[in-house]
Protein backbone atom coordinates (compact mmCIF):
# COMPACT_ATOMS: atom_id res chain seq x y z
CA MET A 1 215.42 128.30 94.09
CA ALA A 2 211.73 127.01 93.55
CA PHE A 3 208.99 129.53 94.40
CA GLN A 4 205.19 128.67 95.17
CA SER A 5 202.43 131.31 95.23
CA SER A 6 199.97 131.17 98.03
CA GLY A 7 197.00 133.43 98.92
CA GLY A 8 194.76 135.14 96.22
CA ILE A 9 194.42 132.12 94.42
CA GLY A 10 190.42 132.15 94.10
CA SER A 11 189.86 130.90 90.32
CA LEU A 12 191.27 128.66 87.56
CA ASP A 13 192.12 131.99 85.97
CA ASP A 14 194.48 132.92 88.70
CA ILE A 15 196.19 129.76 88.39
CA ALA A 16 196.46 130.16 84.71
CA ALA A 17 197.91 133.53 85.00
CA LEU A 18 200.73 132.33 87.35
CA LYS A 19 201.86 129.81 84.68
CA GLY A 20 205.11 131.17 82.78
CA THR A 21 206.28 133.32 85.67
CA GLY A 22 208.93 131.06 87.15
CA VAL A 23 206.52 129.89 89.84
CA GLN A 24 206.95 126.23 90.51
CA GLY A 25 203.86 125.63 92.19
CA VAL A 26 200.60 127.14 93.76
CA ILE A 27 198.75 126.54 96.91
CA VAL A 28 194.94 126.66 96.40
CA GLY A 29 193.63 125.83 100.03
CA ARG A 30 190.34 127.88 100.53
CA ALA A 31 189.29 128.25 97.16
CA LEU A 32 189.47 124.32 96.81
CA LEU A 33 187.70 123.80 100.12
CA ASP A 34 184.87 126.28 99.08
CA GLY A 35 184.40 124.34 96.01
CA LYS A 36 185.30 127.17 93.57
CA PHE A 37 187.07 124.55 91.32
CA SER A 38 188.06 120.82 91.53
CA ALA A 39 191.53 119.56 92.20
CA ASP A 40 191.38 117.87 88.76
CA ASP A 41 190.58 121.20 87.24
CA ALA A 42 193.43 122.80 88.88
CA PHE A 43 195.75 120.31 87.71
CA ARG A 44 194.53 120.25 84.39
CA ILE A 45 195.02 124.04 83.94
CA TRP A 46 198.60 123.71 85.43
CA ALA A 47 199.51 121.05 83.08
CA GLU A 48 198.20 122.97 79.87
C-alpha cells in the first residue's frame, strides 16, 4: 500500500524529513501556491 503525506508541508525541510519514512509522495499545495519554494526545488529535494 502506498501512502502520501498531505498537510503541514510548509518548507523544503518538511519534504526532506519525510524521505525514508515509507511515504511515496507529498502534497505541497498551499506552500507551493504561496511561493515558499518552487516545484523544481521540491522535486530536487525529493529525488536526492
